[in-house]
Amino acid sequence: MNLYNLLKRGFGLVRVGKAVRDARVATTDESRKLAQHYLVELLGQSRGISAKVAQFMAMGGEDSALRETLDS
């Protein structure tokens, strides 16, 4: 793995970590839903296990917009 790919993966993990934190510390329902949508979108764009995590999150939720995020 070259340095560019390593940095790209690291940056992606930082973005996912920030999205998780934002979803956890959200104070209103609206901000929490926005953070969850962003997290699912990030995970859905990735490959492997993180894509499966996004699918699992969308599958169990009551919010149909999360599933639509993965479909687009």
PDB file of N, CA and C in Angstrom:
ATOM      1  N   MET A   1       0.854  -1.167   0.000  1.00  0.00           N
ATOM      2  CA  MET A   1       0.000   0.000   0.000  1.00  0.00           C
ATOM      3  C   MET A   1       0.901   1.233   0.000  1.00  0.00           C
ATOM      4  N   ASN A   2       0.624   2.143  -0.914  1.00  0.00           N
ATOM      5  CA  ASN A   2       1.461   3.332  -0.979  1.00  0.00           C
ATOM      6  C   ASN A   2       0.960   4.397  -0.003  1.00  0.00           C
ATOM      7  N   LEU A   3       1.735   5.442   0.126  1.00  0.00           N
ATOM      8  CA  LEU A   3       1.443   6.485   1.101  1.00  0.00           C
ATOM      9  C   LEU A   3       0.128   7.199   0.802  1.00  0.00           C
ATOM     10  N   TYR A   4      -0.154   7.441  -0.455  1.00  0.00           N
ATOM     11  CA  TYR A   4      -1.397   8.118  -0.832  1.00  0.00           C
ATOM     12  C   TYR A   4      -2.616   7.327  -0.359  1.00  0.00           C
ATOM     13  N   ASN A   5      -2.634   6.028  -0.615  1.00  0.00           N
ATOM     14  CA  ASN A   5      -3.765   5.196  -0.195  1.00  0.00           C
ATOM     15  C   ASN A   5      -3.889   5.136   1.320  1.00  0.00           C
ATOM     16  N   LEU A   6      -2.755   5.094   1.990  1.00  0.00           N
ATOM     17  CA  LEU A   6      -2.762   5.071   3.450  1.00  0.00           C
ATOM     18  C   LEU A   6      -3.349   6.366   4.009  1.00  0.00           C
ATOM     19  N   LEU A   7      -2.947   7.497   3.461  1.00  0.00           N
ATOM     20  CA  LEU A   7      -3.476   8.783   3.899  1.00  0.00           C
ATOM     21  C   LEU A   7      -4.966   8.918   3.573  1.00  0.00           C
ATOM     22  N   LYS A   8      -5.355   8.415   2.414  1.00  0.00           N
ATOM     23  CA  LYS A   8      -6.753   8.466   2.009  1.00  0.00           C
ATOM     24  C   LYS A   8      -7.630   7.656   2.973  1.00  0.00           C
ATOM     25  N   ARG A   9      -7.172   6.470   3.323  1.00  0.00           N
ATOM     26  CA  ARG A   9      -7.927   5.651   4.287  1.00  0.00           C
ATOM     27  C   ARG A   9      -7.976   6.294   5.664  1.00  0.00           C
ATOM     28  N   GLY A  10      -6.855   6.851   6.079  1.00  0.00           N
ATOM     29  CA  GLY A  10      -6.804   7.519   7.378  1.00  0.00           C
ATOM     30  C   GLY A  10      -7.752   8.697   7.440  1.00  0.00           C
ATOM     31  N   PHE A  11      -7.787   9.494   6.367  1.00  0.00           N
ATOM     32  CA  PHE A  11      -8.696  10.635   6.316  1.00  0.00           C
ATOM     33  C   PHE A  11     -10.147  10.161   6.342  1.00  0.00           C
ATOM     34  N   GLY A  12     -10.426   9.086   5.647  1.00  0.00           N
ATOM     35  CA  GLY A  12     -11.778   8.527   5.657  1.00  0.00           C
ATOM     36  C   GLY A  12     -12.196   8.085   7.047  1.00  0.00           C
ATOM     37  N   LEU A  13     -11.280   7.465   7.780  1.00  0.00           N
ATOM     38  CA  LEU A  13     -11.581   7.041   9.149  1.00  0.00           C
ATOM     39  C   LEU A  13     -11.817   8.227  10.069  1.00  0.00           C
ATOM     40  N   VAL A  14     -11.071   9.292   9.865  1.00  0.00           N
ATOM     41  CA  VAL A  14     -11.270  10.500  10.664  1.00  0.00           C
ATOM     42  C   VAL A  14     -12.653  11.083  10.394  1.00  0.00           C
ATOM     43  N   ARG A  15     -13.053  11.115   9.132  1.00  0.00           N
ATOM     44  CA  ARG A  15     -14.377  11.636   8.778  1.00  0.00           C
ATOM     45  C   ARG A  15     -15.480  10.789   9.413  1.00  0.00           C
ATOM     46  N   VAL A  16     -15.332   9.475   9.374  1.00  0.00           N
ATOM     47  CA  VAL A  16     -16.331   8.593   9.978  1.00  0.00           C
ATOM     48  C   VAL A  16     -16.361   8.793  11.498  1.00  0.00           C
ATOM     49  N   GLY A  17     -15.200   8.894  12.110  1.00  0.00           N
ATOM     50  CA  GLY A  17     -15.140   9.118  13.552  1.00  0.00           C
ATOM     51  C   GLY A  17     -15.812  10.414  13.961  1.00  0.00           C
ATOM     52  N   LYS A  18     -15.591  11.469  13.200  1.00  0.00           N
ATOM     53  CA  LYS A  18     -16.233  12.754  13.486  1.00  0.00           C
ATOM     54  C   LYS A  18     -17.747  12.654  13.310  1.00  0.00           C
ATOM     55  N   ALA A  19     -18.181  11.935  12.285  1.00  0.00           N
ATOM     56  CA  ALA A  19     -19.616  11.765  12.055  1.00  0.00           C
ATOM     57  C   ALA A  19     -20.264  10.990  13.196  1.00  0.00           C
ATOM     58  N   VAL A  20     -19.593   9.977  13.702  1.00  0.00           N
ATOM     59  CA  VAL A  20     -20.108   9.202  14.842  1.00  0.00           C
ATOM     60  C   VAL A  20     -20.213  10.097  16.065  1.00  0.00           C
ATOM     61  N   ARG A  21     -19.177  10.871  16.312  1.00  0.00           N
ATOM     62  CA  ARG A  21     -19.198  11.774  17.466  1.00  0.00           C
ATOM     63  C   ARG A  21     -20.320  12.800  17.334  1.00  0.00           C
ATOM     64  N   ASP A  22     -20.477  13.359  16.150  1.00  0.00           N
ATOM     65  CA  ASP A  22     -21.541  14.346  15.927  1.00  0.00           C
ATOM     66  C   ASP A  22     -22.924  13.730  16.164  1.00  0.00           C
ATOM     67  N   ALA A  23     -23.105  12.486  15.762  1.00  0.00           N
ATOM     68  CA  ALA A  23     -24.392  11.814  15.978  1.00  0.00           C
ATOM     69  C   ALA A  23     -24.631  11.557  17.460  1.00  0.00           C
ATOM     70  N   ARG A  24     -23.578  11.284  18.198  1.00  0.00           N
ATOM     71  CA  ARG A  24     -23.740  10.981  19.625  1.00  0.00           C
ATOM     72  C   ARG A  24     -23.988  12.226  20.469  1.00  0.00           C
ATOM     73  N   VAL A  25     -23.376  13.334  20.095  1.00  0.00           N
ATOM     74  CA  VAL A  25     -23.488  14.532  20.930  1.00  0.00           C
ATOM     75  C   VAL A  25     -24.574  15.486  20.439  1.00  0.00           C
ATOM     76  N   ALA A  26     -25.319  15.094  19.432  1.00  0.00           N
ATOM     77  CA  ALA A  26     -26.386  15.958  18.904  1.00  0.00           C
ATOM     78  C   ALA A  26     -27.412  16.224  19.997  1.00  0.00           C
ATOM     79  N   THR A  27     -27.838  17.469  20.063  1.00  0.00           N
ATOM     80  CA  THR A  27     -28.759  17.853  21.143  1.00  0.00           C
ATOM     81  C   THR A  27     -30.222  17.851  20.707  1.00  0.00           C
ATOM     82  N   THR A  28     -30.470  17.959  19.423  1.00  0.00           N
ATOM     83  CA  THR A  28     -31.850  17.944  18.940  1.00  0.00           C
ATOM     84  C   THR A  28     -32.064  16.741  18.026  1.00  0.00           C
ATOM     85  N   ASP A  29     -33.312  16.358  17.875  1.00  0.00           N
ATOM     86  CA  ASP A  29     -33.625  15.231  16.997  1.00  0.00           C
ATOM     87  C   ASP A  29     -33.233  15.518  15.562  1.00  0.00           C
ATOM     88  N   GLU A  30     -33.440  16.759  15.127  1.00  0.00           N
ATOM     89  CA  GLU A  30     -33.113  17.123  13.752  1.00  0.00           C
ATOM     90  C   GLU A  30     -31.610  17.031  13.493  1.00  0.00           C
ATOM     91  N   SER A  31     -30.807  17.543  14.407  1.00  0.00           N
ATOM     92  CA  SER A  31     -29.357  17.477  14.208  1.00  0.00           C
ATOM     93  C   SER A  31     -28.862  16.037  14.301  1.00  0.00           C
ATOM     94  N   ARG A  32     -29.489  15.227  15.141  1.00  0.00           N
ATOM     95  CA  ARG A  32     -29.109  13.820  15.250  1.00  0.00           C
ATOM     96  C   ARG A  32     -29.412  13.072  13.951  1.00  0.00           C
ATOM     97  N   LYS A  33     -30.583  13.340  13.368  1.00  0.00           N
ATOM     98  CA  LYS A  33     -30.946  12.682  12.117  1.00  0.00           C
ATOM     99  C   LYS A  33     -30.019  13.109  10.979  1.00  0.00           C
ATOM    100  N   LEU A  34     -29.675  14.386  10.937  1.00  0.00           N
ATOM    101  CA  LEU A  34     -28.742  14.855   9.910  1.00  0.00           C
ATOM    102  C   LEU A  34     -27.378  14.174  10.059  1.00  0.00           C
ATOM    103  N   ALA A  35     -26.910  14.069  11.301  1.00  0.00           N
ATOM    104  CA  ALA A  35     -25.622  13.416  11.544  1.00  0.00           C
ATOM    105  C   ALA A  35     -25.680  11.936  11.181  1.00  0.00           C
ATOM    106  N   GLN A  36     -26.793  11.276  11.482  1.00  0.00           N
ATOM    107  CA  GLN A  36     -26.938   9.867  11.124  1.00  0.00           C
ATOM    108  C   GLN A  36     -26.962   9.678   9.616  1.00  0.00           C
ATOM    109  N   HIS A  37     -27.656  10.559   8.912  1.00  0.00           N
ATOM    110  CA  HIS A  37     -27.705  10.467   7.453  1.00  0.00           C
ATOM    111  C   HIS A  37     -26.313  10.642   6.855  1.00  0.00           C
ATOM    112  N   TYR A  38     -25.571  11.606   7.392  1.00  0.00           N
ATOM    113  CA  TYR A  38     -24.216  11.832   6.897  1.00  0.00           C
ATOM    114  C   TYR A  38     -23.334  10.614   7.163  1.00  0.00           C
ATOM    115  N   LEU A  39     -23.458  10.026   8.345  1.00  0.00           N
ATOM    116  CA  LEU A  39     -22.673   8.842   8.680  1.00  0.00           C
ATOM    117  C   LEU A  39     -23.011   7.679   7.760  1.00  0.00           C
ATOM    118  N   VAL A  40     -24.277   7.439   7.530  1.00  0.00           N
ATOM    119  CA  VAL A  40     -24.686   6.344   6.640  1.00  0.00           C
ATOM    120  C   VAL A  40     -24.193   6.600   5.221  1.00  0.00           C
ATOM    121  N   GLU A  41     -24.232   7.862   4.800  1.00  0.00           N
ATOM    122  CA  GLU A  41     -23.737   8.195   3.472  1.00  0.00           C
ATOM    123  C   GLU A  41     -22.243   7.920   3.357  1.00  0.00           C
ATOM    124  N   LEU A  42     -21.483   8.307   4.380  1.00  0.00           N
ATOM    125  CA  LEU A  42     -20.037   8.039   4.371  1.00  0.00           C
ATOM    126  C   LEU A  42     -19.749   6.542   4.331  1.00  0.00           C
ATOM    127  N   LEU A  43     -20.442   5.798   5.184  1.00  0.00           N
ATOM    128  CA  LEU A  43     -20.215   4.361   5.239  1.00  0.00           C
ATOM    129  C   LEU A  43     -20.693   3.675   3.963  1.00  0.00           C
ATOM    130  N   GLY A  44     -21.760   4.174   3.393  1.00  0.00           N
ATOM    131  CA  GLY A  44     -22.279   3.580   2.164  1.00  0.00           C
ATOM    132  C   GLY A  44     -21.364   3.779   0.974  1.00  0.00           C
ATOM    133  N   GLN A  45     -20.563   4.836   0.986  1.00  0.00           N
ATOM    134  CA  GLN A  45     -19.633   5.097  -0.097  1.00  0.00           C
ATOM    135  C   GLN A  45     -18.380   4.241   0.009  1.00  0.00           C
ATOM    136  N   SER A  46     -18.146   3.684   1.172  1.00  0.00           N
ATOM    137  CA  SER A  46     -16.947   2.880   1.365  1.00  0.00           C
ATOM    138  C   SER A  46     -17.203   1.428   0.966  1.00  0.00           C
ATOM    139  N   ARG A  47     -16.170   0.652   1.066  1.00  0.00           N
ATOM    140  CA  ARG A  47     -16.265  -0.766   0.696  1.00  0.00           C
ATOM    141  C   ARG A  47     -16.105  -1.646   1.934  1.00  0.00           C
ATOM    142  N   GLY A  48     -16.427  -2.892   1.746  1.00  0.00           N
ATOM    143  CA  GLY A  48     -16.162  -3.888   2.782  1.00  0.00           C
ATOM    144  C   GLY A  48     -17.081  -3.791   3.973  1.00  0.00           C
ATOM    145  N   ILE A  49     -16.504  -3.972   5.146  1.00  0.00           N
ATOM    146  CA  ILE A  49     -17.275  -4.081   6.376  1.00  0.00           C
ATOM    147  C   ILE A  49     -18.006  -2.787   6.702  1.00  0.00           C
ATOM    148  N   SER A  50     -17.411  -1.649   6.375  1.00  0.00           N
ATOM    149  CA  SER A  50     -18.085  -0.394   6.694  1.00  0.00           C
ATOM    150  C   SER A  50     -19.365  -0.223   5.876  1.00  0.00           C
ATOM    151  N   ALA A  51     -19.385  -0.709   4.650  1.00  0.00           N
ATOM    152  CA  ALA A  51     -20.612  -0.669   3.850  1.00  0.00           C
ATOM    153  C   ALA A  51     -21.674  -1.568   4.467  1.00  0.00           C
ATOM    154  N   LYS A  52     -21.260  -2.705   4.991  1.00  0.00           N
ATOM    155  CA  LYS A  52     -22.205  -3.609   5.654  1.00  0.00           C
ATOM    156  C   LYS A  52     -22.758  -2.986   6.933  1.00  0.00           C
ATOM    157  N   VAL A  53     -21.921  -2.246   7.658  1.00  0.00           N
ATOM    158  CA  VAL A  53     -22.390  -1.557   8.865  1.00  0.00           C
ATOM    159  C   VAL A  53     -23.454  -0.539   8.491  1.00  0.00           C
ATOM    160  N   ALA A  54     -23.235   0.202   7.407  1.00  0.00           N
ATOM    161  CA  ALA A  54     -24.208   1.190   6.952  1.00  0.00           C
ATOM    162  C   ALA A  54     -25.520   0.519   6.564  1.00  0.00           C
ATOM    163  N   GLN A  55     -25.437  -0.615   5.892  1.00  0.00           N
ATOM    164  CA  GLN A  55     -26.641  -1.340   5.513  1.00  0.00           C
ATOM    165  C   GLN A  55     -27.394  -1.810   6.757  1.00  0.00           C
ATOM    166  N   PHE A  56     -26.660  -2.290   7.737  1.00  0.00           N
ATOM    167  CA  PHE A  56     -27.271  -2.754   8.978  1.00  0.00           C
ATOM    168  C   PHE A  56     -27.950  -1.601   9.709  1.00  0.00           C
ATOM    169  N   MET A  57     -27.286  -0.437   9.757  1.00  0.00           N
ATOM    170  CA  MET A  57     -27.868   0.724  10.420  1.00  0.00           C
ATOM    171  C   MET A  57     -29.163   1.140   9.735  1.00  0.00           C
ATOM    172  N   ALA A  58     -29.169   1.138   8.428  1.00  0.00           N
ATOM    173  CA  ALA A  58     -30.352   1.567   7.689  1.00  0.00           C
ATOM    174  C   ALA A  58     -31.471   0.532   7.779  1.00  0.00           C
ATOM    175  N   MET A  59     -31.112  -0.725   7.859  1.00  0.00           N
ATOM    176  CA  MET A  59     -32.099  -1.787   7.885  1.00  0.00           C
ATOM    177  C   MET A  59     -32.913  -1.756   9.178  1.00  0.00           C
ATOM    178  N   GLY A  60     -32.266  -1.506  10.298  1.00  0.00           N
ATOM    179  CA  GLY A  60     -32.942  -1.571  11.577  1.00  0.00           C
ATOM    180  C   GLY A  60     -33.668  -0.302  11.968  1.00  0.00           C
ATOM    181  N   GLY A  61     -33.396   0.793  11.272  1.00  0.00           N
ATOM    182  CA  GLY A  61     -33.979   2.068  11.660  1.00  0.00           C
ATOM    183  C   GLY A  61     -35.402   2.241  11.172  1.00  0.00           C
ATOM    184  N   GLU A  62     -36.104   3.099  11.873  1.00  0.00           N
ATOM    185  CA  GLU A  62     -37.472   3.423  11.484  1.00  0.00           C
ATOM    186  C   GLU A  62     -37.491   4.448  10.364  1.00  0.00           C
ATOM    187  N   ASP A  63     -36.393   5.146  10.190  1.00  0.00           N
ATOM    188  CA  ASP A  63     -36.323   6.230   9.221  1.00  0.00           C
ATOM    189  C   ASP A  63     -36.026   5.677   7.834  1.00  0.00           C
ATOM    190  N   SER A  64     -36.997   5.745   6.948  1.00  0.00           N
ATOM    191  CA  SER A  64     -36.819   5.215   5.592  1.00  0.00           C
ATOM    192  C   SER A  64     -35.830   6.044   4.777  1.00  0.00           C
ATOM    193  N   ALA A  65     -35.583   7.276   5.187  1.00  0.00           N
ATOM    194  CA  ALA A  65     -34.623   8.116   4.456  1.00  0.00           C
ATOM    195  C   ALA A  65     -33.212   7.566   4.582  1.00  0.00           C
ATOM    196  N   LEU A  66     -32.899   6.865   5.677  1.00  0.00           N
ATOM    197  CA  LEU A  66     -31.582   6.244   5.804  1.00  0.00           C
ATOM    198  C   LEU A  66     -31.386   5.177   4.729  1.00  0.00           C
ATOM    199  N   ARG A  67     -32.418   4.393   4.482  1.00  0.00           N
ATOM    200  CA  ARG A  67     -32.318   3.371   3.432  1.00  0.00           C
ATOM    201  C   ARG A  67     -32.191   4.024   2.076  1.00  0.00           C
ATOM    202  N   GLU A  68     -32.897   5.115   1.856  1.00  0.00           N
ATOM    203  CA  GLU A  68     -32.809   5.814   0.569  1.00  0.00           C
ATOM    204  C   GLU A  68     -31.417   6.399   0.362  1.00  0.00           C
ATOM    205  N   THR A  69     -30.744   6.776   1.433  1.00  0.00           N
ATOM    206  CA  THR A  69     -29.384   7.307   1.332  1.00  0.00           C
ATOM    207  C   THR A  69     -28.454   6.264   0.743  1.00  0.00           C
ATOM    208  N   LEU A  70     -28.632   5.013   1.135  1.00  0.00           N
ATOM    209  CA  LEU A  70     -27.778   3.949   0.614  1.00  0.00           C
ATOM    210  C   LEU A  70     -28.123   3.581  -0.818  1.00  0.00           C
ATOM    211  N   ASP A  71     -29.371   3.759  -1.207  1.00  0.00           N
ATOM    212  CA  ASP A  71     -29.790   3.409  -2.553  1.00  0.00           C
ATOM    213  C   ASP A  71     -29.281   4.394  -3.588  1.00  0.00           C
ATOM    214  N   SER A  72     -29.057   5.644  -3.194  1.00  0.00           N
ATOM    215  CA  SER A  72     -28.634   6.650  -4.165  1.00  0.00           C
ATOM    216  C   SER A  72     -27.156   6.638  -4.412  1.00  0.00           C
TER     217      SER A  72
END
